[in-house]
């Protein structure tokens, strides 16, 4: 009799708590971006603003060409690839912005950048 009552109480609590827990706001977006930082084997410092800006370049490049390989190659070596540089060119990113992005890559990647330092106009 007592065991049956405990089971009923447990079931009721379970049914009440599940909707409450699922209704709580989840911050999975930031977690997924941070894990993406590690997936790209970035060895520098995770700075959310810098990482999101670099990631946005690759997203915009992907939107332009709709080619998944470009998206992957743009992020290769933690955004330090010739493909990232090519995306900067086709997206017509101004040179002032490029120098800021190069700094971002240096911080995120933890090493000097290897893609071309200046973009021909």
PDB file of N, CA and C in Angstrom:
ATOM      1  N   UNK A   1       0.828  -1.193   0.000  1.00  0.00           N
ATOM      2  CA  UNK A   1       0.000   0.000   0.000  1.00  0.00           C
ATOM      3  C   UNK A   1       0.877   1.263   0.000  1.00  0.00           C
ATOM      4  N   UNK A   2       1.896   1.302   0.887  1.00  0.00           N
ATOM      5  CA  UNK A   2       2.798   2.455   0.973  1.00  0.00           C
ATOM      6  C   UNK A   2       3.649   2.587  -0.288  1.00  0.00           C
ATOM      7  N   UNK A   3       4.098   1.471  -0.829  1.00  0.00           N
ATOM      8  CA  UNK A   3       4.916   1.466  -2.047  1.00  0.00           C
ATOM      9  C   UNK A   3       4.116   1.998  -3.224  1.00  0.00           C
ATOM     10  N   UNK A   4       2.870   1.631  -3.314  1.00  0.00           N
ATOM     11  CA  UNK A   4       1.998   2.094  -4.392  1.00  0.00           C
ATOM     12  C   UNK A   4       1.797   3.600  -4.310  1.00  0.00           C
ATOM     13  N   UNK A   5       1.668   4.112  -3.095  1.00  0.00           N
ATOM     14  CA  UNK A   5       1.482   5.550  -2.897  1.00  0.00           C
ATOM     15  C   UNK A   5       2.739   6.315  -3.324  1.00  0.00           C
ATOM     16  N   UNK A   6       3.916   5.808  -2.981  1.00  0.00           N
ATOM     17  CA  UNK A   6       5.180   6.447  -3.363  1.00  0.00           C
ATOM     18  C   UNK A   6       5.356   6.458  -4.880  1.00  0.00           C
ATOM     19  N   UNK A   7       4.964   5.395  -5.522  1.00  0.00           N
ATOM     20  CA  UNK A   7       5.053   5.334  -6.980  1.00  0.00           C
ATOM     21  C   UNK A   7       4.131   6.372  -7.604  1.00  0.00           C
ATOM     22  N   UNK A   8       2.909   6.490  -7.088  1.00  0.00           N
ATOM     23  CA  UNK A   8       1.953   7.480  -7.612  1.00  0.00           C
ATOM     24  C   UNK A   8       2.491   8.897  -7.437  1.00  0.00           C
ATOM     25  N   UNK A   9       3.067   9.183  -6.270  1.00  0.00           N
ATOM     26  CA  UNK A   9       3.634  10.510  -6.012  1.00  0.00           C
ATOM     27  C   UNK A   9       4.802  10.771  -6.961  1.00  0.00           C
ATOM     28  N   UNK A  10       5.636   9.782  -7.156  1.00  0.00           N
ATOM     29  CA  UNK A  10       6.782   9.928  -8.069  1.00  0.00           C
ATOM     30  C   UNK A  10       6.330  10.198  -9.495  1.00  0.00           C
ATOM     31  N   UNK A  11       5.308   9.485  -9.942  1.00  0.00           N
ATOM     32  CA  UNK A  11       4.790   9.678 -11.297  1.00  0.00           C
ATOM     33  C   UNK A  11       4.205  11.076 -11.453  1.00  0.00           C
ATOM     34  N   UNK A  12       3.447  11.533 -10.460  1.00  0.00           N
ATOM     35  CA  UNK A  12       2.846  12.867 -10.518  1.00  0.00           C
ATOM     36  C   UNK A  12       3.949  13.931 -10.556  1.00  0.00           C
ATOM     37  N   UNK A  13       4.946  13.797  -9.691  1.00  0.00           N
ATOM     38  CA  UNK A  13       6.056  14.752  -9.700  1.00  0.00           C
ATOM     39  C   UNK A  13       6.778  14.749 -11.042  1.00  0.00           C
ATOM     40  N   UNK A  14       7.007  13.585 -11.573  1.00  0.00           N
ATOM     41  CA  UNK A  14       7.664  13.455 -12.870  1.00  0.00           C
ATOM     42  C   UNK A  14       6.858  14.162 -13.953  1.00  0.00           C
ATOM     43  N   UNK A  15       5.543  13.941 -13.967  1.00  0.00           N
ATOM     44  CA  UNK A  15       4.688  14.549 -14.990  1.00  0.00           C
ATOM     45  C   UNK A  15       4.582  16.058 -14.831  1.00  0.00           C
ATOM     46  N   UNK A  16       4.737  16.550 -13.616  1.00  0.00           N
ATOM     47  CA  UNK A  16       4.685  17.994 -13.384  1.00  0.00           C
ATOM     48  C   UNK A  16       6.029  18.647 -13.712  1.00  0.00           C
ATOM     49  N   UNK A  17       7.123  17.990 -13.349  1.00  0.00           N
ATOM     50  CA  UNK A  17       8.445  18.594 -13.530  1.00  0.00           C
ATOM     51  C   UNK A  17       8.936  18.591 -14.975  1.00  0.00           C
ATOM     52  N   UNK A  18       8.587  17.602 -15.757  1.00  0.00           N
ATOM     53  CA  UNK A  18       9.062  17.539 -17.154  1.00  0.00           C
ATOM     54  C   UNK A  18       8.642  18.772 -17.947  1.00  0.00           C
ATOM     55  N   UNK A  19       7.360  19.175 -17.943  1.00  0.00           N
ATOM     56  CA  UNK A  19       7.004  20.393 -18.695  1.00  0.00           C
ATOM     57  C   UNK A  19       7.690  21.645 -18.160  1.00  0.00           C
ATOM     58  N   UNK A  20       7.901  21.710 -16.845  1.00  0.00           N
ATOM     59  CA  UNK A  20       8.587  22.872 -16.277  1.00  0.00           C
ATOM     60  C   UNK A  20      10.037  22.949 -16.741  1.00  0.00           C
ATOM     61  N   UNK A  21      10.713  21.833 -16.745  1.00  0.00           N
ATOM     62  CA  UNK A  21      12.119  21.800 -17.161  1.00  0.00           C
ATOM     63  C   UNK A  21      12.251  22.123 -18.648  1.00  0.00           C
ATOM     64  N   UNK A  22      11.371  21.577 -19.470  1.00  0.00           N
ATOM     65  CA  UNK A  22      11.463  21.845 -20.914  1.00  0.00           C
ATOM     66  C   UNK A  22      11.074  23.274 -21.252  1.00  0.00           C
ATOM     67  N   UNK A  23      10.309  23.937 -20.370  1.00  0.00           N
ATOM     68  CA  UNK A  23       9.902  25.322 -20.623  1.00  0.00           C
ATOM     69  C   UNK A  23      10.998  26.318 -20.281  1.00  0.00           C
ATOM     70  N   UNK A  24      12.006  25.897 -19.519  1.00  0.00           N
ATOM     71  CA  UNK A  24      13.092  26.798 -19.158  1.00  0.00           C
ATOM     72  C   UNK A  24      13.896  27.175 -20.394  1.00  0.00           C
ATOM     73  N   UNK A  25      14.386  28.426 -20.455  1.00  0.00           N
ATOM     74  CA  UNK A  25      15.206  28.813 -21.607  1.00  0.00           C
ATOM     75  C   UNK A  25      16.518  28.058 -21.612  1.00  0.00           C
ATOM     76  N   UNK A  26      16.898  27.609 -22.784  1.00  0.00           N
ATOM     77  CA  UNK A  26      18.160  26.891 -22.943  1.00  0.00           C
ATOM     78  C   UNK A  26      19.114  27.749 -23.745  1.00  0.00           C
ATOM     79  N   UNK A  27      20.351  27.695 -23.397  1.00  0.00           N
ATOM     80  CA  UNK A  27      21.373  28.483 -24.079  1.00  0.00           C
ATOM     81  C   UNK A  27      22.237  27.567 -24.938  1.00  0.00           C
ATOM     82  N   UNK A  28      21.592  26.707 -25.717  1.00  0.00           N
ATOM     83  CA  UNK A  28      22.315  25.737 -26.532  1.00  0.00           C
ATOM     84  C   UNK A  28      23.080  26.398 -27.674  1.00  0.00           C
ATOM     85  N   UNK A  29      22.613  27.556 -28.144  1.00  0.00           N
ATOM     86  CA  UNK A  29      23.274  28.213 -29.272  1.00  0.00           C
ATOM     87  C   UNK A  29      24.708  28.580 -28.917  1.00  0.00           C
ATOM     88  N   UNK A  30      24.895  29.201 -27.765  1.00  0.00           N
ATOM     89  CA  UNK A  30      26.255  29.559 -27.352  1.00  0.00           C
ATOM     90  C   UNK A  30      27.101  28.326 -27.109  1.00  0.00           C
ATOM     91  N   UNK A  31      26.490  27.302 -26.527  1.00  0.00           N
ATOM     92  CA  UNK A  31      27.226  26.070 -26.280  1.00  0.00           C
ATOM     93  C   UNK A  31      27.664  25.439 -27.593  1.00  0.00           C
ATOM     94  N   UNK A  32      26.775  25.446 -28.590  1.00  0.00           N
ATOM     95  CA  UNK A  32      27.145  24.847 -29.870  1.00  0.00           C
ATOM     96  C   UNK A  32      28.248  25.644 -30.550  1.00  0.00           C
ATOM     97  N   UNK A  33      28.226  26.971 -30.429  1.00  0.00           N
ATOM     98  CA  UNK A  33      29.294  27.780 -31.023  1.00  0.00           C
ATOM     99  C   UNK A  33      30.614  27.537 -30.306  1.00  0.00           C
ATOM    100  N   UNK A  34      30.551  27.389 -28.985  1.00  0.00           N
ATOM    101  CA  UNK A  34      31.784  27.145 -28.242  1.00  0.00           C
ATOM    102  C   UNK A  34      32.343  25.773 -28.601  1.00  0.00           C
ATOM    103  N   UNK A  35      31.474  24.777 -28.729  1.00  0.00           N
ATOM    104  CA  UNK A  35      31.978  23.460 -29.106  1.00  0.00           C
ATOM    105  C   UNK A  35      32.512  23.494 -30.529  1.00  0.00           C
ATOM    106  N   UNK A  36      31.951  24.329 -31.384  1.00  0.00           N
ATOM    107  CA  UNK A  36      32.455  24.498 -32.737  1.00  0.00           C
ATOM    108  C   UNK A  36      33.878  25.057 -32.699  1.00  0.00           C
ATOM    109  N   UNK A  37      34.141  25.929 -31.751  1.00  0.00           N
ATOM    110  CA  UNK A  37      35.479  26.480 -31.550  1.00  0.00           C
ATOM    111  C   UNK A  37      36.477  25.338 -31.326  1.00  0.00           C
ATOM    112  N   UNK A  38      36.099  24.384 -30.487  1.00  0.00           N
ATOM    113  CA  UNK A  38      36.974  23.251 -30.208  1.00  0.00           C
ATOM    114  C   UNK A  38      36.986  22.257 -31.361  1.00  0.00           C
ATOM    115  N   UNK A  39      35.865  22.096 -32.047  1.00  0.00           N
ATOM    116  CA  UNK A  39      35.809  21.202 -33.200  1.00  0.00           C
ATOM    117  C   UNK A  39      36.763  21.668 -34.296  1.00  0.00           C
ATOM    118  N   UNK A  40      36.915  22.982 -34.432  1.00  0.00           N
ATOM    119  CA  UNK A  40      37.821  23.540 -35.440  1.00  0.00           C
ATOM    120  C   UNK A  40      39.281  23.478 -34.980  1.00  0.00           C
ATOM    121  N   UNK A  41      39.488  22.956 -33.783  1.00  0.00           N
ATOM    122  CA  UNK A  41      40.817  22.833 -33.183  1.00  0.00           C
ATOM    123  C   UNK A  41      41.519  24.179 -33.050  1.00  0.00           C
ATOM    124  N   UNK A  42      40.723  25.200 -32.705  1.00  0.00           N
ATOM    125  CA  UNK A  42      41.298  26.511 -32.437  1.00  0.00           C
ATOM    126  C   UNK A  42      42.097  26.423 -31.141  1.00  0.00           C
ATOM    127  N   UNK A  43      43.277  26.991 -31.154  1.00  0.00           N
ATOM    128  CA  UNK A  43      44.167  26.865 -30.013  1.00  0.00           C
ATOM    129  C   UNK A  43      44.369  28.181 -29.271  1.00  0.00           C
ATOM    130  N   UNK A  44      43.643  29.181 -29.664  1.00  0.00           N
ATOM    131  CA  UNK A  44      43.777  30.480 -29.022  1.00  0.00           C
ATOM    132  C   UNK A  44      42.750  30.671 -27.928  1.00  0.00           C
ATOM    133  N   UNK A  45      42.288  31.891 -27.790  1.00  0.00           N
ATOM    134  CA  UNK A  45      41.328  32.266 -26.762  1.00  0.00           C
ATOM    135  C   UNK A  45      39.939  32.345 -27.385  1.00  0.00           C
ATOM    136  N   UNK A  46      38.954  31.720 -26.725  1.00  0.00           N
ATOM    137  CA  UNK A  46      37.581  31.809 -27.217  1.00  0.00           C
ATOM    138  C   UNK A  46      37.014  33.160 -26.823  1.00  0.00           C
ATOM    139  N   UNK A  47      36.778  33.989 -27.831  1.00  0.00           N
ATOM    140  CA  UNK A  47      36.116  35.273 -27.649  1.00  0.00           C
ATOM    141  C   UNK A  47      34.850  35.193 -28.485  1.00  0.00           C
ATOM    142  N   UNK A  48      33.708  35.219 -27.816  1.00  0.00           N
ATOM    143  CA  UNK A  48      32.430  35.009 -28.484  1.00  0.00           C
ATOM    144  C   UNK A  48      32.212  35.997 -29.627  1.00  0.00           C
ATOM    145  N   UNK A  49      32.473  37.264 -29.404  1.00  0.00           N
ATOM    146  CA  UNK A  49      32.253  38.288 -30.430  1.00  0.00           C
ATOM    147  C   UNK A  49      33.135  38.044 -31.650  1.00  0.00           C
ATOM    148  N   UNK A  50      34.413  37.783 -31.398  1.00  0.00           N
ATOM    149  CA  UNK A  50      35.347  37.548 -32.500  1.00  0.00           C
ATOM    150  C   UNK A  50      34.975  36.280 -33.266  1.00  0.00           C
ATOM    151  N   UNK A  51      34.689  35.216 -32.515  1.00  0.00           N
ATOM    152  CA  UNK A  51      34.364  33.949 -33.160  1.00  0.00           C
ATOM    153  C   UNK A  51      33.097  34.073 -34.006  1.00  0.00           C
ATOM    154  N   UNK A  52      32.069  34.732 -33.471  1.00  0.00           N
ATOM    155  CA  UNK A  52      30.818  34.891 -34.222  1.00  0.00           C
ATOM    156  C   UNK A  52      31.042  35.689 -35.493  1.00  0.00           C
ATOM    157  N   UNK A  53      31.901  36.710 -35.447  1.00  0.00           N
ATOM    158  CA  UNK A  53      32.163  37.522 -36.648  1.00  0.00           C
ATOM    159  C   UNK A  53      32.867  36.695 -37.715  1.00  0.00           C
ATOM    160  N   UNK A  54      33.865  35.928 -37.326  1.00  0.00           N
ATOM    161  CA  UNK A  54      34.577  35.075 -38.284  1.00  0.00           C
ATOM    162  C   UNK A  54      33.642  34.008 -38.844  1.00  0.00           C
ATOM    163  N   UNK A  55      32.857  33.431 -37.975  1.00  0.00           N
ATOM    164  CA  UNK A  55      31.910  32.408 -38.389  1.00  0.00           C
ATOM    165  C   UNK A  55      30.883  32.995 -39.361  1.00  0.00           C
ATOM    166  N   UNK A  56      30.500  34.247 -39.130  1.00  0.00           N
ATOM    167  CA  UNK A  56      29.512  34.912 -39.988  1.00  0.00           C
ATOM    168  C   UNK A  56      30.051  35.075 -41.421  1.00  0.00           C
ATOM    169  N   UNK A  57      31.340  35.332 -41.549  1.00  0.00           N
ATOM    170  CA  UNK A  57      31.953  35.438 -42.883  1.00  0.00           C
ATOM    171  C   UNK A  57      31.729  34.134 -43.647  1.00  0.00           C
ATOM    172  N   UNK A  58      32.001  33.016 -42.994  1.00  0.00           N
ATOM    173  CA  UNK A  58      31.833  31.711 -43.649  1.00  0.00           C
ATOM    174  C   UNK A  58      30.359  31.425 -43.936  1.00  0.00           C
ATOM    175  N   UNK A  59      29.480  31.834 -43.034  1.00  0.00           N
ATOM    176  CA  UNK A  59      28.036  31.657 -43.257  1.00  0.00           C
ATOM    177  C   UNK A  59      27.586  32.469 -44.475  1.00  0.00           C
ATOM    178  N   UNK A  60      28.044  33.717 -44.564  1.00  0.00           N
ATOM    179  CA  UNK A  60      27.676  34.572 -45.706  1.00  0.00           C
ATOM    180  C   UNK A  60      28.231  34.014 -47.015  1.00  0.00           C
ATOM    181  N   UNK A  61      29.435  33.505 -46.963  1.00  0.00           N
ATOM    182  CA  UNK A  61      30.053  32.910 -48.149  1.00  0.00           C
ATOM    183  C   UNK A  61      29.249  31.683 -48.592  1.00  0.00           C
ATOM    184  N   UNK A  62      28.851  30.884 -47.613  1.00  0.00           N
ATOM    185  CA  UNK A  62      28.024  29.715 -47.922  1.00  0.00           C
ATOM    186  C   UNK A  62      26.701  30.150 -48.550  1.00  0.00           C
ATOM    187  N   UNK A  63      26.069  31.190 -48.002  1.00  0.00           N
ATOM    188  CA  UNK A  63      24.790  31.671 -48.524  1.00  0.00           C
ATOM    189  C   UNK A  63      24.934  32.152 -49.968  1.00  0.00           C
ATOM    190  N   UNK A  64      26.091  32.687 -50.290  1.00  0.00           N
ATOM    191  CA  UNK A  64      26.326  33.182 -51.642  1.00  0.00           C
ATOM    192  C   UNK A  64      26.438  32.045 -52.654  1.00  0.00           C
ATOM    193  N   UNK A  65      27.160  30.991 -52.288  1.00  0.00           N
ATOM    194  CA  UNK A  65      27.421  29.906 -53.235  1.00  0.00           C
ATOM    195  C   UNK A  65      26.598  28.646 -52.995  1.00  0.00           C
ATOM    196  N   UNK A  66      26.058  28.503 -51.795  1.00  0.00           N
ATOM    197  CA  UNK A  66      25.270  27.306 -51.426  1.00  0.00           C
ATOM    198  C   UNK A  66      26.048  26.019 -51.674  1.00  0.00           C
ATOM    199  N   UNK A  67      27.320  26.040 -51.290  1.00  0.00           N
ATOM    200  CA  UNK A  67      28.193  24.889 -51.474  1.00  0.00           C
ATOM    201  C   UNK A  67      28.785  24.525 -50.109  1.00  0.00           C
ATOM    202  N   UNK A  68      28.403  23.349 -49.593  1.00  0.00           N
ATOM    203  CA  UNK A  68      28.844  22.967 -48.250  1.00  0.00           C
ATOM    204  C   UNK A  68      30.362  22.849 -48.137  1.00  0.00           C
ATOM    205  N   UNK A  69      31.024  22.470 -49.222  1.00  0.00           N
ATOM    206  CA  UNK A  69      32.482  22.347 -49.145  1.00  0.00           C
ATOM    207  C   UNK A  69      33.128  23.718 -48.918  1.00  0.00           C
ATOM    208  N   UNK A  70      32.565  24.767 -49.474  1.00  0.00           N
ATOM    209  CA  UNK A  70      33.098  26.119 -49.257  1.00  0.00           C
ATOM    210  C   UNK A  70      32.945  26.497 -47.795  1.00  0.00           C
ATOM    211  N   UNK A  71      31.811  26.168 -47.222  1.00  0.00           N
ATOM    212  CA  UNK A  71      31.566  26.461 -45.808  1.00  0.00           C
ATOM    213  C   UNK A  71      32.600  25.763 -44.929  1.00  0.00           C
ATOM    214  N   UNK A  72      32.860  24.513 -45.214  1.00  0.00           N
ATOM    215  CA  UNK A  72      33.830  23.726 -44.439  1.00  0.00           C
ATOM    216  C   UNK A  72      35.250  24.259 -44.656  1.00  0.00           C
ATOM    217  N   UNK A  73      35.602  24.526 -45.914  1.00  0.00           N
ATOM    218  CA  UNK A  73      36.954  24.997 -46.223  1.00  0.00           C
ATOM    219  C   UNK A  73      37.212  26.396 -45.660  1.00  0.00           C
ATOM    220  N   UNK A  74      36.200  27.223 -45.620  1.00  0.00           N
ATOM    221  CA  UNK A  74      36.336  28.578 -45.075  1.00  0.00           C
ATOM    222  C   UNK A  74      36.750  28.529 -43.606  1.00  0.00           C
ATOM    223  N   UNK A  75      36.220  27.557 -42.874  1.00  0.00           N
ATOM    224  CA  UNK A  75      36.515  27.426 -41.443  1.00  0.00           C
ATOM    225  C   UNK A  75      37.771  26.603 -41.165  1.00  0.00           C
ATOM    226  N   UNK A  76      38.322  26.022 -42.208  1.00  0.00           N
ATOM    227  CA  UNK A  76      39.484  25.136 -42.055  1.00  0.00           C
ATOM    228  C   UNK A  76      40.623  25.844 -41.314  1.00  0.00           C
ATOM    229  N   UNK A  77      41.326  25.089 -40.492  1.00  0.00           N
ATOM    230  CA  UNK A  77      42.448  25.620 -39.698  1.00  0.00           C
ATOM    231  C   UNK A  77      42.029  26.816 -38.845  1.00  0.00           C
ATOM    232  N   UNK A  78      40.825  26.725 -38.322  1.00  0.00           N
ATOM    233  CA  UNK A  78      40.314  27.802 -37.458  1.00  0.00           C
ATOM    234  C   UNK A  78      40.330  29.153 -38.191  1.00  0.00           C
ATOM    235  N   UNK A  79      39.733  29.158 -39.381  1.00  0.00           N
ATOM    236  CA  UNK A  79      39.568  30.344 -40.241  1.00  0.00           C
ATOM    237  C   UNK A  79      40.874  30.820 -40.874  1.00  0.00           C
ATOM    238  N   UNK A  80      41.937  30.062 -40.744  1.00  0.00           N
ATOM    239  CA  UNK A  80      43.218  30.468 -41.315  1.00  0.00           C
ATOM    240  C   UNK A  80      43.508  29.623 -42.556  1.00  0.00           C
ATOM    241  N   UNK A  81      42.760  29.911 -43.604  1.00  0.00           N
ATOM    242  CA  UNK A  81      42.958  29.184 -44.855  1.00  0.00           C
ATOM    243  C   UNK A  81      42.815  30.156 -46.018  1.00  0.00           C
ATOM    244  N   UNK A  82      43.304  29.732 -47.160  1.00  0.00           N
ATOM    245  CA  UNK A  82      43.160  30.590 -48.347  1.00  0.00           C
ATOM    246  C   UNK A  82      41.682  30.758 -48.687  1.00  0.00           C
ATOM    247  N   UNK A  83      40.862  29.774 -48.304  1.00  0.00           N
ATOM    248  CA  UNK A  83      39.432  29.841 -48.604  1.00  0.00           C
ATOM    249  C   UNK A  83      38.756  30.958 -47.826  1.00  0.00           C
ATOM    250  N   UNK A  84      39.171  31.164 -46.588  1.00  0.00           N
ATOM    251  CA  UNK A  84      38.635  32.283 -45.816  1.00  0.00           C
ATOM    252  C   UNK A  84      38.999  33.594 -46.514  1.00  0.00           C
ATOM    253  N   UNK A  85      40.253  33.693 -46.959  1.00  0.00           N
ATOM    254  CA  UNK A  85      40.689  34.885 -47.704  1.00  0.00           C
ATOM    255  C   UNK A  85      39.885  35.091 -48.979  1.00  0.00           C
ATOM    256  N   UNK A  86      39.581  33.993 -49.672  1.00  0.00           N
ATOM    257  CA  UNK A  86      38.771  34.092 -50.894  1.00  0.00           C
ATOM    258  C   UNK A  86      37.358  34.563 -50.572  1.00  0.00           C
ATOM    259  N   UNK A  87      36.810  34.076 -49.471  1.00  0.00           N
ATOM    260  CA  UNK A  87      35.471  34.518 -49.057  1.00  0.00           C
ATOM    261  C   UNK A  87      35.469  36.011 -48.762  1.00  0.00           C
ATOM    262  N   UNK A  88      36.543  36.497 -48.141  1.00  0.00           N
ATOM    263  CA  UNK A  88      36.646  37.937 -47.885  1.00  0.00           C
ATOM    264  C   UNK A  88      36.606  38.721 -49.193  1.00  0.00           C
ATOM    265  N   UNK A  89      37.277  38.193 -50.207  1.00  0.00           N
ATOM    266  CA  UNK A  89      37.298  38.871 -51.511  1.00  0.00           C
ATOM    267  C   UNK A  89      35.919  38.909 -52.144  1.00  0.00           C
ATOM    268  N   UNK A  90      35.267  37.755 -52.218  1.00  0.00           N
ATOM    269  CA  UNK A  90      33.974  37.713 -52.917  1.00  0.00           C
ATOM    270  C   UNK A  90      32.888  38.445 -52.144  1.00  0.00           C
ATOM    271  N   UNK A  91      33.048  38.562 -50.850  1.00  0.00           N
ATOM    272  CA  UNK A  91      32.059  39.305 -50.054  1.00  0.00           C
ATOM    273  C   UNK A  91      32.364  40.803 -50.028  1.00  0.00           C
ATOM    274  N   UNK A  92      33.454  41.186 -50.696  1.00  0.00           N
ATOM    275  CA  UNK A  92      33.864  42.584 -50.817  1.00  0.00           C
ATOM    276  C   UNK A  92      34.046  43.251 -49.449  1.00  0.00           C
ATOM    277  N   UNK A  93      34.709  42.536 -48.563  1.00  0.00           N
ATOM    278  CA  UNK A  93      34.982  43.066 -47.220  1.00  0.00           C
ATOM    279  C   UNK A  93      36.076  44.127 -47.344  1.00  0.00           C
ATOM    280  N   UNK A  94      35.847  45.333 -46.823  1.00  0.00           N
ATOM    281  CA  UNK A  94      36.851  46.403 -46.933  1.00  0.00           C
ATOM    282  C   UNK A  94      38.145  46.059 -46.198  1.00  0.00           C
ATOM    283  N   UNK A  95      39.249  46.620 -46.663  1.00  0.00           N
ATOM    284  CA  UNK A  95      40.570  46.284 -46.111  1.00  0.00           C
ATOM    285  C   UNK A  95      40.681  46.626 -44.626  1.00  0.00           C
ATOM    286  N   UNK A  96      40.001  47.698 -44.166  1.00  0.00           N
ATOM    287  CA  UNK A  96      40.040  48.037 -42.739  1.00  0.00           C
ATOM    288  C   UNK A  96      39.424  46.915 -41.913  1.00  0.00           C
ATOM    289  N   UNK A  97      38.339  46.369 -42.417  1.00  0.00           N
ATOM    290  CA  UNK A  97      37.665  45.260 -41.739  1.00  0.00           C
ATOM    291  C   UNK A  97      38.527  43.995 -41.789  1.00  0.00           C
ATOM    292  N   UNK A  98      39.216  43.797 -42.900  1.00  0.00           N
ATOM    293  CA  UNK A  98      40.077  42.613 -43.045  1.00  0.00           C
ATOM    294  C   UNK A  98      41.187  42.628 -42.003  1.00  0.00           C
ATOM    295  N   UNK A  99      41.793  43.779 -41.766  1.00  0.00           N
ATOM    296  CA  UNK A  99      42.857  43.825 -40.767  1.00  0.00           C
ATOM    297  C   UNK A  99      42.304  43.524 -39.378  1.00  0.00           C
ATOM    298  N   UNK A 100      41.076  43.948 -39.088  1.00  0.00           N
ATOM    299  CA  UNK A 100      40.447  43.617 -37.814  1.00  0.00           C
ATOM    300  C   UNK A 100      40.177  42.109 -37.725  1.00  0.00           C
ATOM    301  N   UNK A 101      39.715  41.528 -38.823  1.00  0.00           N
ATOM    302  CA  UNK A 101      39.443  40.089 -38.862  1.00  0.00           C
ATOM    303  C   UNK A 101      40.726  39.287 -38.712  1.00  0.00           C
ATOM    304  N   UNK A 102      41.817  39.785 -39.275  1.00  0.00           N
ATOM    305  CA  UNK A 102      43.106  39.109 -39.124  1.00  0.00           C
ATOM    306  C   UNK A 102      43.529  39.086 -37.656  1.00  0.00           C
ATOM    307  N   UNK A 103      43.266  40.177 -36.968  1.00  0.00           N
ATOM    308  CA  UNK A 103      43.547  40.214 -35.530  1.00  0.00           C
ATOM    309  C   UNK A 103      42.676  39.191 -34.794  1.00  0.00           C
ATOM    310  N   UNK A 104      41.403  39.117 -35.167  1.00  0.00           N
ATOM    311  CA  UNK A 104      40.484  38.147 -34.552  1.00  0.00           C
ATOM    312  C   UNK A 104      41.013  36.727 -34.732  1.00  0.00           C
ATOM    313  N   UNK A 105      41.461  36.414 -35.944  1.00  0.00           N
ATOM    314  CA  UNK A 105      41.975  35.074 -36.231  1.00  0.00           C
ATOM    315  C   UNK A 105      43.206  34.792 -35.384  1.00  0.00           C
ATOM    316  N   UNK A 106      44.058  35.786 -35.242  1.00  0.00           N
ATOM    317  CA  UNK A 106      45.268  35.618 -34.436  1.00  0.00           C
ATOM    318  C   UNK A 106      44.904  35.289 -32.985  1.00  0.00           C
ATOM    319  N   UNK A 107      43.895  35.958 -32.441  1.00  0.00           N
ATOM    320  CA  UNK A 107      43.458  35.709 -31.062  1.00  0.00           C
ATOM    321  C   UNK A 107      42.806  34.335 -30.948  1.00  0.00           C
ATOM    322  N   UNK A 108      41.882  34.040 -31.856  1.00  0.00           N
ATOM    323  CA  UNK A 108      41.123  32.785 -31.818  1.00  0.00           C
ATOM    324  C   UNK A 108      42.032  31.594 -32.112  1.00  0.00           C
ATOM    325  N   UNK A 109      42.922  31.772 -33.074  1.00  0.00           N
ATOM    326  CA  UNK A 109      43.767  30.676 -33.534  1.00  0.00           C
ATOM    327  C   UNK A 109      45.020  30.516 -32.676  1.00  0.00           C
ATOM    328  N   UNK A 110      45.435  31.580 -32.040  1.00  0.00           N
ATOM    329  CA  UNK A 110      46.610  31.495 -31.183  1.00  0.00           C
ATOM    330  C   UNK A 110      47.925  31.504 -31.927  1.00  0.00           C
ATOM    331  N   UNK A 111      47.899  31.893 -33.205  1.00  0.00           N
ATOM    332  CA  UNK A 111      49.140  31.935 -33.980  1.00  0.00           C
ATOM    333  C   UNK A 111      48.994  32.953 -35.109  1.00  0.00           C
ATOM    334  N   UNK A 112      50.112  33.341 -35.706  1.00  0.00           N
ATOM    335  CA  UNK A 112      50.033  34.267 -36.846  1.00  0.00           C
ATOM    336  C   UNK A 112      49.226  33.662 -37.998  1.00  0.00           C
ATOM    337  N   UNK A 113      48.655  34.513 -38.796  1.00  0.00           N
ATOM    338  CA  UNK A 113      47.830  34.057 -39.906  1.00  0.00           C
ATOM    339  C   UNK A 113      48.658  33.772 -41.148  1.00  0.00           C
ATOM    340  N   UNK A 114      48.158  32.823 -41.940  1.00  0.00           N
ATOM    341  CA  UNK A 114      48.916  32.459 -43.133  1.00  0.00           C
ATOM    342  C   UNK A 114      48.206  32.871 -44.428  1.00  0.00           C
ATOM    343  N   UNK A 115      46.912  33.205 -44.384  1.00  0.00           N
ATOM    344  CA  UNK A 115      46.274  33.619 -45.629  1.00  0.00           C
ATOM    345  C   UNK A 115      46.765  35.002 -46.012  1.00  0.00           C
ATOM    346  N   UNK A 116      46.645  35.373 -47.285  1.00  0.00           N
ATOM    347  CA  UNK A 116      47.218  36.644 -47.769  1.00  0.00           C
ATOM    348  C   UNK A 116      46.819  37.837 -46.891  1.00  0.00           C
ATOM    349  N   UNK A 117      47.800  38.655 -46.547  1.00  0.00           N
ATOM    350  CA  UNK A 117      47.584  39.781 -45.654  1.00  0.00           C
ATOM    351  C   UNK A 117      46.793  40.916 -46.289  1.00  0.00           C
ATOM    352  N   UNK A 118      46.919  41.091 -47.569  1.00  0.00           N
ATOM    353  CA  UNK A 118      46.165  42.170 -48.213  1.00  0.00           C
ATOM    354  C   UNK A 118      45.369  41.602 -49.357  1.00  0.00           C
ATOM    355  N   UNK A 119      44.235  42.204 -49.580  1.00  0.00           N
ATOM    356  CA  UNK A 119      43.347  41.742 -50.630  1.00  0.00           C
ATOM    357  C   UNK A 119      43.445  42.727 -51.784  1.00  0.00           C
ATOM    358  N   UNK A 120      43.787  42.244 -52.980  1.00  0.00           N
ATOM    359  CA  UNK A 120      43.890  43.147 -54.131  1.00  0.00           C
ATOM    360  C   UNK A 120      42.546  43.790 -54.433  1.00  0.00           C
ATOM    361  N   UNK A 121      42.562  45.047 -54.828  1.00  0.00           N
ATOM    362  CA  UNK A 121      41.300  45.739 -55.155  1.00  0.00           C
ATOM    363  C   UNK A 121      41.104  45.841 -56.629  1.00  0.00           C
TER     364      UNK A 121
END
